[in-house]
Amino acid sequence: SGFLITGGLVRESLSTGRLTLGAFWSRRIRRLLPSALIVLAAT
C-alpha cells in the first residue's frame, strides 16, 4: 500500500507541485468503503 498509494501521491506531487486531497480521499472511499460496510452489515 505504501508503494502504490503513497507512491501515487509522490508522483502527483512531483509532477504538479500540489495534491488534490478531495479527489484522493474520494477514490479511497469508493475503493474501500462499499465492501467494508457490506461485510460489517452482514456481521
Full PDB file with SEQRES, HELIX, SHEET, SSBOND, CRYST1, ORIGX, SCALE, CONECT and MASTER records, all heavy atoms in Angstrom:
SEQRES   1 A   43  SER GLY PHE LEU ILE THR GLY GLY LEU VAL ARG GLU SER          
SEQRES   2 A   43  LEU SER THR GLY ARG LEU THR LEU GLY ALA PHE TRP SER          
SEQRES   3 A   43  ARG ARG ILE ARG ARG LEU LEU PRO SER ALA LEU ILE VAL          
SEQRES   4 A   43  LEU ALA ALA THR                                              
HELIX    1 AA1 GLY A    2  THR A    6  3                                   5    
HELIX    2 AA2 GLY A    7  THR A   16  1                                  10    
HELIX    3 AA3 LEU A   21  ALA A   42  1                                  22    
CRYST1    1.000    1.000    1.000  90.00  90.00  90.00 P 1           1          
ORIGX1      1.000000  0.000000  0.000000        0.00000                         
ORIGX2      0.000000  1.000000  0.000000        0.00000                         
ORIGX3      0.000000  0.000000  1.000000        0.00000                         
SCALE1      1.000000  0.000000  0.000000        0.00000                         
SCALE2      0.000000  1.000000  0.000000        0.00000                         
SCALE3      0.000000  0.000000  1.000000        0.00000                         
ATOM      1  N   SER A   1       0.827  -1.201   0.000  1.00  0.00           N  
ATOM      2  CA  SER A   1       0.000   0.000   0.000  1.00  0.00           C  
ATOM      3  C   SER A   1       0.861   1.251   0.000  1.00  0.00           C  
ATOM      4  O   SER A   1       0.582   2.217  -0.719  1.00  0.00           O  
ATOM      5  CB  SER A   1      -0.925  -0.006   1.219  1.00  0.00           C  
ATOM      6  OG  SER A   1      -1.795   1.101   1.197  1.00  0.00           O  
ATOM      7  N   GLY A   2       1.922   1.243   0.791  1.00  0.00           N  
ATOM      8  CA  GLY A   2       2.819   2.388   0.821  1.00  0.00           C  
ATOM      9  C   GLY A   2       3.458   2.644  -0.528  1.00  0.00           C  
ATOM     10  O   GLY A   2       3.572   3.791  -0.976  1.00  0.00           O  
ATOM     11  N   PHE A   3       3.852   1.559  -1.201  1.00  0.00           N  
ATOM     12  CA  PHE A   3       4.478   1.692  -2.507  1.00  0.00           C  
ATOM     13  C   PHE A   3       3.499   2.220  -3.558  1.00  0.00           C  
ATOM     14  O   PHE A   3       3.828   3.126  -4.334  1.00  0.00           O  
ATOM     15  CB  PHE A   3       5.037   0.344  -2.950  1.00  0.00           C  
ATOM     16  CG  PHE A   3       5.590   0.341  -4.348  1.00  0.00           C  
ATOM     17  CD1 PHE A   3       6.778   0.996  -4.640  1.00  0.00           C  
ATOM     18  CD2 PHE A   3       4.918  -0.319  -5.369  1.00  0.00           C  
ATOM     19  CE1 PHE A   3       7.289   1.000  -5.936  1.00  0.00           C  
ATOM     20  CE2 PHE A   3       5.425  -0.314  -6.662  1.00  0.00           C  
ATOM     21  CZ  PHE A   3       6.607   0.343  -6.947  1.00  0.00           C  
ATOM     22  N   LEU A   4       2.283   1.670  -3.573  1.00  0.00           N  
ATOM     23  CA  LEU A   4       1.317   2.036  -4.608  1.00  0.00           C  
ATOM     24  C   LEU A   4       0.592   3.346  -4.306  1.00  0.00           C  
ATOM     25  O   LEU A   4       0.529   4.242  -5.154  1.00  0.00           O  
ATOM     26  CB  LEU A   4       0.293   0.911  -4.786  1.00  0.00           C  
ATOM     27  CG  LEU A   4       0.835  -0.419  -5.316  1.00  0.00           C  
ATOM     28  CD1 LEU A   4      -0.279  -1.453  -5.366  1.00  0.00           C  
ATOM     29  CD2 LEU A   4       1.454  -0.244  -6.690  1.00  0.00           C  
ATOM     30  N   ILE A   5       0.051   3.462  -3.091  1.00  0.00           N  
ATOM     31  CA  ILE A   5      -0.785   4.618  -2.775  1.00  0.00           C  
ATOM     32  C   ILE A   5       0.070   5.839  -2.450  1.00  0.00           C  
ATOM     33  O   ILE A   5      -0.108   6.912  -3.036  1.00  0.00           O  
ATOM     34  CB  ILE A   5      -1.736   4.313  -1.601  1.00  0.00           C  
ATOM     35  CG1 ILE A   5      -2.510   3.012  -1.864  1.00  0.00           C  
ATOM     36  CG2 ILE A   5      -2.696   5.478  -1.403  1.00  0.00           C  
ATOM     37  CD1 ILE A   5      -3.301   3.019  -3.152  1.00  0.00           C  
ATOM     38  N   THR A   6       1.027   5.684  -1.523  1.00  0.00           N  
ATOM     39  CA  THR A   6       1.924   6.799  -1.236  1.00  0.00           C  
ATOM     40  C   THR A   6       2.736   7.147  -2.475  1.00  0.00           C  
ATOM     41  O   THR A   6       2.996   8.327  -2.759  1.00  0.00           O  
ATOM     42  CB  THR A   6       2.873   6.454  -0.074  1.00  0.00           C  
ATOM     43  OG1 THR A   6       2.111   6.004   1.036  1.00  0.00           O  
ATOM     44  CG2 THR A   6       3.694   7.664   0.333  1.00  0.00           C  
ATOM     45  N   GLY A   7       3.111   6.117  -3.244  1.00  0.00           N  
ATOM     46  CA  GLY A   7       3.846   6.362  -4.481  1.00  0.00           C  
ATOM     47  C   GLY A   7       3.054   7.198  -5.456  1.00  0.00           C  
ATOM     48  O   GLY A   7       3.607   8.085  -6.125  1.00  0.00           O  
ATOM     49  N   GLY A   8       1.753   6.951  -5.549  1.00  0.00           N  
ATOM     50  CA  GLY A   8       0.912   7.764  -6.411  1.00  0.00           C  
ATOM     51  C   GLY A   8       0.871   9.210  -5.960  1.00  0.00           C  
ATOM     52  O   GLY A   8       0.907  10.137  -6.792  1.00  0.00           O  
ATOM     53  N   LEU A   9       0.811   9.418  -4.662  1.00  0.00           N  
ATOM     54  CA  LEU A   9       0.835  10.783  -4.122  1.00  0.00           C  
ATOM     55  C   LEU A   9       2.169  11.466  -4.423  1.00  0.00           C  
ATOM     56  O   LEU A   9       2.216  12.660  -4.744  1.00  0.00           O  
ATOM     57  CB  LEU A   9       0.597  10.748  -2.611  1.00  0.00           C  
ATOM     58  CG  LEU A   9      -0.813  10.360  -2.144  1.00  0.00           C  
ATOM     59  CD1 LEU A   9      -0.822  10.128  -0.640  1.00  0.00           C  
ATOM     60  CD2 LEU A   9      -1.823  11.434  -2.515  1.00  0.00           C  
ATOM     61  N   VAL A  10       3.240  10.708  -4.310  1.00  0.00           N  
ATOM     62  CA  VAL A  10       4.565  11.266  -4.600  1.00  0.00           C  
ATOM     63  C   VAL A  10       4.662  11.694  -6.059  1.00  0.00           C  
ATOM     64  O   VAL A  10       5.129  12.800  -6.374  1.00  0.00           O  
ATOM     65  CB  VAL A  10       5.669  10.237  -4.267  1.00  0.00           C  
ATOM     66  CG1 VAL A  10       7.010  10.671  -4.857  1.00  0.00           C  
ATOM     67  CG2 VAL A  10       5.794  10.056  -2.760  1.00  0.00           C  
ATOM     68  N   ARG A  11       4.207  10.838  -6.956  1.00  0.00           N  
ATOM     69  CA  ARG A  11       4.284  11.166  -8.384  1.00  0.00           C  
ATOM     70  C   ARG A  11       3.437  12.395  -8.722  1.00  0.00           C  
ATOM     71  O   ARG A  11       3.860  13.251  -9.512  1.00  0.00           O  
ATOM     72  CB  ARG A  11       3.864   9.959  -9.217  1.00  0.00           C  
ATOM     73  CG  ARG A  11       4.942   8.869  -9.286  1.00  0.00           C  
ATOM     74  CD  ARG A  11       4.541   7.755 -10.227  1.00  0.00           C  
ATOM     75  NE  ARG A  11       3.469   6.931  -9.675  1.00  0.00           N  
ATOM     76  CZ  ARG A  11       3.683   5.882  -8.892  1.00  0.00           C  
ATOM     77  NH1 ARG A  11       4.912   5.544  -8.564  1.00  0.00           N  
ATOM     78  NH2 ARG A  11       2.671   5.162  -8.430  1.00  0.00           N  
ATOM     79  N   GLU A  12       2.245  12.486  -8.121  1.00  0.00           N  
ATOM     80  CA  GLU A  12       1.412  13.667  -8.348  1.00  0.00           C  
ATOM     81  C   GLU A  12       2.098  14.914  -7.803  1.00  0.00           C  
ATOM     82  O   GLU A  12       2.083  15.986  -8.441  1.00  0.00           O  
ATOM     83  CB  GLU A  12       0.049  13.494  -7.681  1.00  0.00           C  
ATOM     84  CG  GLU A  12      -0.891  14.675  -7.900  1.00  0.00           C  
ATOM     85  CD  GLU A  12      -2.219  14.514  -7.189  1.00  0.00           C  
ATOM     86  OE1 GLU A  12      -2.468  13.447  -6.584  1.00  0.00           O  
ATOM     87  OE2 GLU A  12      -3.018  15.473  -7.222  1.00  0.00           O  
ATOM     88  N   SER A  13       2.717  14.792  -6.648  1.00  0.00           N  
ATOM     89  CA  SER A  13       3.403  15.928  -6.033  1.00  0.00           C  
ATOM     90  C   SER A  13       4.552  16.423  -6.902  1.00  0.00           C  
ATOM     91  O   SER A  13       4.737  17.626  -7.090  1.00  0.00           O  
ATOM     92  CB  SER A  13       3.940  15.534  -4.655  1.00  0.00           C  
ATOM     93  OG  SER A  13       2.908  15.107  -3.796  1.00  0.00           O  
ATOM     94  N   LEU A  14       5.333  15.487  -7.424  1.00  0.00           N  
ATOM     95  CA  LEU A  14       6.497  15.866  -8.215  1.00  0.00           C  
ATOM     96  C   LEU A  14       6.107  16.454  -9.573  1.00  0.00           C  
ATOM     97  O   LEU A  14       6.787  17.330 -10.100  1.00  0.00           O  
ATOM     98  CB  LEU A  14       7.409  14.659  -8.416  1.00  0.00           C  
ATOM     99  CG  LEU A  14       8.067  14.087  -7.153  1.00  0.00           C  
ATOM    100  CD1 LEU A  14       8.917  12.879  -7.493  1.00  0.00           C  
ATOM    101  CD2 LEU A  14       8.901  15.144  -6.445  1.00  0.00           C  
ATOM    102  N   SER A  15       5.003  15.972 -10.131  1.00  0.00           N  
ATOM    103  CA  SER A  15       4.625  16.432 -11.466  1.00  0.00           C  
ATOM    104  C   SER A  15       3.827  17.725 -11.458  1.00  0.00           C  
ATOM    105  O   SER A  15       3.951  18.545 -12.381  1.00  0.00           O  
ATOM    106  CB  SER A  15       3.816  15.347 -12.185  1.00  0.00           C  
ATOM    107  OG  SER A  15       2.605  15.081 -11.484  1.00  0.00           O  
ATOM    108  N   THR A  16       3.010  17.943 -10.418  1.00  0.00           N  
ATOM    109  CA  THR A  16       2.139  19.120 -10.396  1.00  0.00           C  
ATOM    110  C   THR A  16       2.499  20.130  -9.317  1.00  0.00           C  
ATOM    111  O   THR A  16       2.064  21.279  -9.373  1.00  0.00           O  
ATOM    112  CB  THR A  16       0.673  18.701 -10.193  1.00  0.00           C  
ATOM    113  OG1 THR A  16       0.510  18.153  -8.871  1.00  0.00           O  
ATOM    114  CG2 THR A  16       0.252  17.672 -11.229  1.00  0.00           C  
ATOM    115  N   GLY A  17       3.255  19.684  -8.313  1.00  0.00           N  
ATOM    116  CA  GLY A  17       3.599  20.581  -7.221  1.00  0.00           C  
ATOM    117  C   GLY A  17       2.496  20.754  -6.204  1.00  0.00           C  
ATOM    118  O   GLY A  17       2.604  21.578  -5.286  1.00  0.00           O  
ATOM    119  N   ARG A  18       1.432  19.959  -6.325  1.00  0.00           N  
ATOM    120  CA  ARG A  18       0.338  20.046  -5.355  1.00  0.00           C  
ATOM    121  C   ARG A  18      -0.390  18.703  -5.298  1.00  0.00           C  
ATOM    122  O   ARG A  18      -0.124  17.805  -6.102  1.00  0.00           O  
ATOM    123  CB  ARG A  18      -0.638  21.149  -5.740  1.00  0.00           C  
ATOM    124  CG  ARG A  18      -1.341  20.936  -7.059  1.00  0.00           C  
ATOM    125  CD  ARG A  18      -2.150  22.148  -7.474  1.00  0.00           C  
ATOM    126  NE  ARG A  18      -2.880  21.898  -8.708  1.00  0.00           N  
ATOM    127  CZ  ARG A  18      -4.102  21.380  -8.771  1.00  0.00           C  
ATOM    128  NH1 ARG A  18      -4.737  21.056  -7.646  1.00  0.00           N  
ATOM    129  NH2 ARG A  18      -4.704  21.177  -9.930  1.00  0.00           N  
ATOM    130  N   LEU A  19      -1.311  18.595  -4.352  1.00  0.00           N  
ATOM    131  CA  LEU A  19      -2.123  17.393  -4.208  1.00  0.00           C  
ATOM    132  C   LEU A  19      -3.597  17.757  -4.211  1.00  0.00           C  
ATOM    133  O   LEU A  19      -4.000  18.721  -3.552  1.00  0.00           O  
ATOM    134  CB  LEU A  19      -1.783  16.657  -2.906  1.00  0.00           C  
ATOM    135  CG  LEU A  19      -0.431  15.950  -2.828  1.00  0.00           C  
ATOM    136  CD1 LEU A  19      -0.210  15.400  -1.428  1.00  0.00           C  
ATOM    137  CD2 LEU A  19      -0.353  14.827  -3.854  1.00  0.00           C  
ATOM    138  N   THR A  20      -4.398  17.003  -4.939  1.00  0.00           N  
ATOM    139  CA  THR A  20      -5.853  17.186  -4.916  1.00  0.00           C  
ATOM    140  C   THR A  20      -6.410  16.242  -3.847  1.00  0.00           C  
ATOM    141  O   THR A  20      -6.771  15.100  -4.135  1.00  0.00           O  
ATOM    142  CB  THR A  20      -6.458  16.878  -6.296  1.00  0.00           C  
ATOM    143  OG1 THR A  20      -5.992  15.594  -6.727  1.00  0.00           O  
ATOM    144  CG2 THR A  20      -6.042  17.937  -7.309  1.00  0.00           C  
ATOM    145  N   LEU A  21      -6.455  16.764  -2.619  1.00  0.00           N  
ATOM    146  CA  LEU A  21      -6.813  15.920  -1.484  1.00  0.00           C  
ATOM    147  C   LEU A  21      -8.220  15.365  -1.593  1.00  0.00           C  
ATOM    148  O   LEU A  21      -8.472  14.195  -1.270  1.00  0.00           O  
ATOM    149  CB  LEU A  21      -6.658  16.717  -0.183  1.00  0.00           C  
ATOM    150  CG  LEU A  21      -5.239  17.228   0.124  1.00  0.00           C  
ATOM    151  CD1 LEU A  21      -5.216  17.949   1.461  1.00  0.00           C  
ATOM    152  CD2 LEU A  21      -4.244  16.082   0.122  1.00  0.00           C  
ATOM    153  N   GLY A  22      -9.165  16.208  -2.037  1.00  0.00           N  
ATOM    154  CA  GLY A  22     -10.545  15.747  -2.154  1.00  0.00           C  
ATOM    155  C   GLY A  22     -10.670  14.581  -3.111  1.00  0.00           C  
ATOM    156  O   GLY A  22     -11.362  13.591  -2.823  1.00  0.00           O  
ATOM    157  N   ALA A  23      -9.999  14.662  -4.249  1.00  0.00           N  
ATOM    158  CA  ALA A  23     -10.046  13.582  -5.236  1.00  0.00           C  
ATOM    159  C   ALA A  23      -9.399  12.319  -4.681  1.00  0.00           C  
ATOM    160  O   ALA A  23      -9.886  11.199  -4.900  1.00  0.00           O  
ATOM    161  CB  ALA A  23      -9.354  14.018  -6.519  1.00  0.00           C  
ATOM    162  N   PHE A  24      -8.283  12.486  -3.949  1.00  0.00           N  
ATOM    163  CA  PHE A  24      -7.600  11.322  -3.380  1.00  0.00           C  
ATOM    164  C   PHE A  24      -8.488  10.613  -2.379  1.00  0.00           C  
ATOM    165  O   PHE A  24      -8.673   9.386  -2.450  1.00  0.00           O  
ATOM    166  CB  PHE A  24      -6.302  11.757  -2.702  1.00  0.00           C  
ATOM    167  CG  PHE A  24      -5.644  10.663  -1.905  1.00  0.00           C  
ATOM    168  CD1 PHE A  24      -4.960   9.639  -2.536  1.00  0.00           C  
ATOM    169  CD2 PHE A  24      -5.736  10.650  -0.513  1.00  0.00           C  
ATOM    170  CE1 PHE A  24      -4.365   8.620  -1.813  1.00  0.00           C  
ATOM    171  CE2 PHE A  24      -5.143   9.633   0.217  1.00  0.00           C  
ATOM    172  CZ  PHE A  24      -4.450   8.619  -0.433  1.00  0.00           C  
ATOM    173  N   TRP A  25      -9.066  11.351  -1.438  1.00  0.00           N  
ATOM    174  CA  TRP A  25      -9.916  10.723  -0.428  1.00  0.00           C  
ATOM    175  C   TRP A  25     -11.191  10.158  -1.041  1.00  0.00           C  
ATOM    176  O   TRP A  25     -11.712   9.155  -0.565  1.00  0.00           O  
ATOM    177  CB  TRP A  25     -10.225  11.732   0.680  1.00  0.00           C  
ATOM    178  CG  TRP A  25      -9.033  11.997   1.551  1.00  0.00           C  
ATOM    179  CD1 TRP A  25      -8.072  11.094   1.935  1.00  0.00           C  
ATOM    180  CD2 TRP A  25      -8.652  13.230   2.143  1.00  0.00           C  
ATOM    181  NE1 TRP A  25      -7.133  11.695   2.736  1.00  0.00           N  
ATOM    182  CE2 TRP A  25      -7.457  13.007   2.888  1.00  0.00           C  
ATOM    183  CE3 TRP A  25      -9.202  14.523   2.134  1.00  0.00           C  
ATOM    184  CZ2 TRP A  25      -6.818  14.021   3.590  1.00  0.00           C  
ATOM    185  CZ3 TRP A  25      -8.558  15.524   2.834  1.00  0.00           C  
ATOM    186  CH2 TRP A  25      -7.390  15.274   3.558  1.00  0.00           C  
ATOM    187  N   SER A  26     -11.693  10.796  -2.100  1.00  0.00           N  
ATOM    188  CA  SER A  26     -12.861  10.272  -2.793  1.00  0.00           C  
ATOM    189  C   SER A  26     -12.567   8.901  -3.389  1.00  0.00           C  
ATOM    190  O   SER A  26     -13.388   7.980  -3.305  1.00  0.00           O  
ATOM    191  CB  SER A  26     -13.293  11.247  -3.898  1.00  0.00           C  
ATOM    192  OG  SER A  26     -14.341  10.704  -4.678  1.00  0.00           O  
ATOM    193  N   ARG A  27     -11.398   8.759  -3.989  1.00  0.00           N  
ATOM    194  CA  ARG A  27     -11.012   7.458  -4.547  1.00  0.00           C  
ATOM    195  C   ARG A  27     -10.892   6.409  -3.460  1.00  0.00           C  
ATOM    196  O   ARG A  27     -11.289   5.246  -3.652  1.00  0.00           O  
ATOM    197  CB  ARG A  27      -9.684   7.575  -5.308  1.00  0.00           C  
ATOM    198  CG  ARG A  27      -9.769   8.359  -6.609  1.00  0.00           C  
ATOM    199  CD  ARG A  27      -8.513   8.177  -7.444  1.00  0.00           C  
ATOM    200  NE  ARG A  27      -7.316   8.646  -6.769  1.00  0.00           N  
ATOM    201  CZ  ARG A  27      -6.842   9.885  -6.846  1.00  0.00           C  
ATOM    202  NH1 ARG A  27      -7.506  10.804  -7.547  1.00  0.00           N  
ATOM    203  NH2 ARG A  27      -5.728  10.230  -6.221  1.00  0.00           N  
ATOM    204  N   ARG A  28     -10.342   6.810  -2.321  1.00  0.00           N  
ATOM    205  CA  ARG A  28     -10.203   5.855  -1.216  1.00  0.00           C  
ATOM    206  C   ARG A  28     -11.569   5.391  -0.717  1.00  0.00           C  
ATOM    207  O   ARG A  28     -11.773   4.206  -0.430  1.00  0.00           O  
ATOM    208  CB  ARG A  28      -9.437   6.502  -0.054  1.00  0.00           C  
ATOM    209  CG  ARG A  28      -8.021   6.924  -0.373  1.00  0.00           C  
ATOM    210  CD  ARG A  28      -7.124   5.763  -0.679  1.00  0.00           C  
ATOM    211  NE  ARG A  28      -6.935   4.888   0.479  1.00  0.00           N  
ATOM    212  CZ  ARG A  28      -6.342   3.703   0.437  1.00  0.00           C  
ATOM    213  NH1 ARG A  28      -5.927   3.223  -0.714  1.00  0.00           N  
ATOM    214  NH2 ARG A  28      -6.195   2.986   1.521  1.00  0.00           N  
ATOM    215  N   ILE A  29     -12.507   6.314  -0.620  1.00  0.00           N  
ATOM    216  CA  ILE A  29     -13.853   5.962  -0.159  1.00  0.00           C  
ATOM    217  C   ILE A  29     -14.511   4.993  -1.136  1.00  0.00           C  
ATOM    218  O   ILE A  29     -15.092   3.974  -0.724  1.00  0.00           O  
ATOM    219  CB  ILE A  29     -14.721   7.231   0.012  1.00  0.00           C  
ATOM    220  CG1 ILE A  29     -14.217   8.053   1.194  1.00  0.00           C  
ATOM    221  CG2 ILE A  29     -16.189   6.860   0.215  1.00  0.00           C  
ATOM    222  CD1 ILE A  29     -14.886   9.413   1.322  1.00  0.00           C  
ATOM    223  N   ARG A  30     -14.438   5.297  -2.428  1.00  0.00           N  
ATOM    224  CA  ARG A  30     -15.072   4.435  -3.422  1.00  0.00           C  
ATOM    225  C   ARG A  30     -14.435   3.049  -3.444  1.00  0.00           C  
ATOM    226  O   ARG A  30     -15.130   2.053  -3.698  1.00  0.00           O  
ATOM    227  CB  ARG A  30     -14.964   5.059  -4.823  1.00  0.00           C  
ATOM    228  CG  ARG A  30     -15.785   6.314  -5.006  1.00  0.00           C  
ATOM    229  CD  ARG A  30     -16.056   6.592  -6.481  1.00  0.00           C  
ATOM    230  NE  ARG A  30     -14.851   6.588  -7.293  1.00  0.00           N  
ATOM    231  CZ  ARG A  30     -14.100   7.662  -7.517  1.00  0.00           C  
ATOM    232  NH1 ARG A  30     -14.428   8.829  -6.943  1.00  0.00           N  
ATOM    233  NH2 ARG A  30     -13.034   7.598  -8.282  1.00  0.00           N  
ATOM    234  N   ARG A  31     -13.127   2.986  -3.186  1.00  0.00           N  
ATOM    235  CA  ARG A  31     -12.434   1.712  -3.231  1.00  0.00           C  
ATOM    236  C   ARG A  31     -12.723   0.826  -2.036  1.00  0.00           C  
ATOM    237  O   ARG A  31     -12.913  -0.379  -2.182  1.00  0.00           O  
ATOM    238  CB  ARG A  31     -10.914   1.974  -3.312  1.00  0.00           C  
ATOM    239  CG  ARG A  31     -10.330   1.869  -4.675  1.00  0.00           C  
ATOM    240  CD  ARG A  31     -10.358   0.438  -5.162  1.00  0.00           C  
ATOM    241  NE  ARG A  31      -9.516  -0.390  -4.316  1.00  0.00           N  
ATOM    242  CZ  ARG A  31      -9.963  -1.294  -3.492  1.00  0.00           C  
ATOM    243  NH1 ARG A  31     -11.245  -1.514  -3.370  1.00  0.00           N  
ATOM    244  NH2 ARG A  31      -9.142  -2.020  -2.763  1.00  0.00           N  
ATOM    245  N   LEU A  32     -12.730   1.430  -0.855  1.00  0.00           N  
ATOM    246  CA  LEU A  32     -12.716   0.627   0.363  1.00  0.00           C  
ATOM    247  C   LEU A  32     -14.055   0.523   1.083  1.00  0.00           C  
ATOM    248  O   LEU A  32     -14.388  -0.518   1.641  1.00  0.00           O  
ATOM    249  CB  LEU A  32     -11.663   1.181   1.334  1.00  0.00           C  
ATOM    250  CG  LEU A  32     -10.222   1.212   0.821  1.00  0.00           C  
ATOM    251  CD1 LEU A  32      -9.311   1.831   1.860  1.00  0.00           C  
ATOM    252  CD2 LEU A  32      -9.751  -0.183   0.462  1.00  0.00           C  
ATOM    253  N   LEU A  33     -14.809   1.589   1.100  1.00  0.00           N  
ATOM    254  CA  LEU A  33     -15.970   1.645   1.986  1.00  0.00           C  
ATOM    255  C   LEU A  33     -17.106   0.710   1.592  1.00  0.00           C  
ATOM    256  O   LEU A  33     -17.673   0.047   2.478  1.00  0.00           O  
ATOM    257  CB  LEU A  33     -16.475   3.089   2.074  1.00  0.00           C  
ATOM    258  CG  LEU A  33     -17.364   3.405   3.279  1.00  0.00           C  
ATOM    259  CD1 LEU A  33     -16.631   3.117   4.582  1.00  0.00           C  
ATOM    260  CD2 LEU A  33     -17.799   4.872   3.238  1.00  0.00           C  
ATOM    261  N   PRO A  34     -17.511   0.619   0.311  1.00  0.00           N  
ATOM    262  CA  PRO A  34     -18.673  -0.219  -0.010  1.00  0.00           C  
ATOM    263  C   PRO A  34     -18.536  -1.665   0.453  1.00  0.00           C  
ATOM    264  O   PRO A  34     -19.427  -2.199   1.127  1.00  0.00           O  
ATOM    265  CB  PRO A  34     -18.771  -0.117  -1.540  1.00  0.00           C  
ATOM    266  CG  PRO A  34     -18.144   1.191  -1.866  1.00  0.00           C  
ATOM    267  CD  PRO A  34     -17.015   1.336  -0.885  1.00  0.00           C  
ATOM    268  N   SER A  35     -17.439  -2.309   0.121  1.00  0.00           N  
ATOM    269  CA  SER A  35     -17.246  -3.704   0.509  1.00  0.00           C  
ATOM    270  C   SER A  35     -17.158  -3.850   2.025  1.00  0.00           C  
ATOM    271  O   SER A  35     -17.723  -4.785   2.614  1.00  0.00           O  
ATOM    272  CB  SER A  35     -15.975  -4.262  -0.141  1.00  0.00           C  
ATOM    273  OG  SER A  35     -16.071  -4.242  -1.544  1.00  0.00           O  
ATOM    274  N   ALA A  36     -16.452  -2.919   2.659  1.00  0.00           N  
ATOM    275  CA  ALA A  36     -16.300  -2.991   4.113  1.00  0.00           C  
ATOM    276  C   ALA A  36     -17.645  -2.873   4.813  1.00  0.00           C  
ATOM    277  O   ALA A  36     -17.940  -3.614   5.758  1.00  0.00           O  
ATOM    278  CB  ALA A  36     -15.360  -1.891   4.591  1.00  0.00           C  
ATOM    279  N   LEU A  37     -18.476  -1.947   4.365  1.00  0.00           N  
ATOM    280  CA  LEU A  37     -19.774  -1.746   5.019  1.00  0.00           C  
ATOM    281  C   LEU A  37     -20.713  -2.928   4.786  1.00  0.00           C  
ATOM    282  O   LEU A  37     -21.521  -3.264   5.666  1.00  0.00           O  
ATOM    283  CB  LEU A  37     -20.418  -0.449   4.516  1.00  0.00           C  
ATOM    284  CG  LEU A  37     -19.714   0.839   4.966  1.00  0.00           C  
ATOM    285  CD1 LEU A  37     -20.464   2.063   4.454  1.00  0.00           C  
ATOM    286  CD2 LEU A  37     -19.578   0.898   6.486  1.00  0.00           C  
ATOM    287  N   ILE A  38     -20.622  -3.561   3.639  1.00  0.00           N  
ATOM    288  CA  ILE A  38     -21.431  -4.751   3.396  1.00  0.00           C  
ATOM    289  C   ILE A  38     -21.046  -5.863   4.367  1.00  0.00           C  
ATOM    290  O   ILE A  38     -21.897  -6.527   4.965  1.00  0.00           O  
ATOM    291  CB  ILE A  38     -21.277  -5.225   1.934  1.00  0.00           C  
ATOM    292  CG1 ILE A  38     -22.087  -4.319   1.011  1.00  0.00           C  
ATOM    293  CG2 ILE A  38     -21.718  -6.681   1.769  1.00  0.00           C  
ATOM    294  CD1 ILE A  38     -21.954  -4.656  -0.450  1.00  0.00           C  
ATOM    295  N   VAL A  39     -19.750  -6.069   4.547  1.00  0.00           N  
ATOM    296  CA  VAL A  39     -19.286  -7.099   5.479  1.00  0.00           C  
ATOM    297  C   VAL A  39     -19.690  -6.737   6.909  1.00  0.00           C  
ATOM    298  O   VAL A  39     -20.132  -7.604   7.681  1.00  0.00           O  
ATOM    299  CB  VAL A  39     -17.770  -7.292   5.371  1.00  0.00           C  
ATOM    300  CG1 VAL A  39     -17.261  -8.243   6.456  1.00  0.00           C  
ATOM    301  CG2 VAL A  39     -17.405  -7.821   3.993  1.00  0.00           C  
ATOM    302  N   LEU A  40     -19.581  -5.471   7.266  1.00  0.00           N  
ATOM    303  CA  LEU A  40     -19.966  -5.052   8.622  1.00  0.00           C  
ATOM    304  C   LEU A  40     -21.461  -5.214   8.848  1.00  0.00           C  
ATOM    305  O   LEU A  40     -21.888  -5.633   9.930  1.00  0.00           O  
ATOM    306  CB  LEU A  40     -19.541  -3.601   8.857  1.00  0.00           C  
ATOM    307  CG  LEU A  40     -18.033  -3.353   8.971  1.00  0.00           C  
ATOM    308  CD1 LEU A  40     -17.744  -1.861   9.071  1.00  0.00           C  
ATOM    309  CD2 LEU A  40     -17.452  -4.093  10.173  1.00  0.00           C  
ATOM    310  N   ALA A  41     -22.273  -4.875   7.859  1.00  0.00           N  
ATOM    311  CA  ALA A  41     -23.722  -5.045   7.993  1.00  0.00           C  
ATOM    312  C   ALA A  41     -24.068  -6.520   8.137  1.00  0.00           C  
ATOM    313  O   ALA A  41     -24.908  -6.904   8.981  1.00  0.00           O  
ATOM    314  CB  ALA A  41     -24.434  -4.440   6.786  1.00  0.00           C  
ATOM    315  N   ALA A  42     -23.438  -7.377   7.326  1.00  0.00           N  
ATOM    316  CA  ALA A  42     -23.674  -8.814   7.426  1.00  0.00           C  
ATOM    317  C   ALA A  42     -23.225  -9.340   8.788  1.00  0.00           C  
ATOM    318  O   ALA A  42     -23.884 -10.203   9.386  1.00  0.00           O  
ATOM    319  CB  ALA A  42     -22.925  -9.539   6.302  1.00  0.00           C  
ATOM    320  N   THR A  43     -22.121  -8.807   9.287  1.00  0.00           N  
ATOM    321  CA  THR A  43     -21.609  -9.223  10.597  1.00  0.00           C  
ATOM    322  C   THR A  43     -22.562  -8.816  11.709  1.00  0.00           C  
ATOM    323  O   THR A  43     -22.793  -9.585  12.657  1.00  0.00           O  
ATOM    324  CB  THR A  43     -20.223  -8.610  10.842  1.00  0.00           C  
ATOM    325  OG1 THR A  43     -19.326  -9.051   9.823  1.00  0.00           O  
ATOM    326  CG2 THR A  43     -19.671  -9.023  12.199  1.00  0.00           C  
TER     327      THR A  43                                                      
MASTER        0    0    0    3    0    0    0    6  326    1    0    4          
END                                                                             
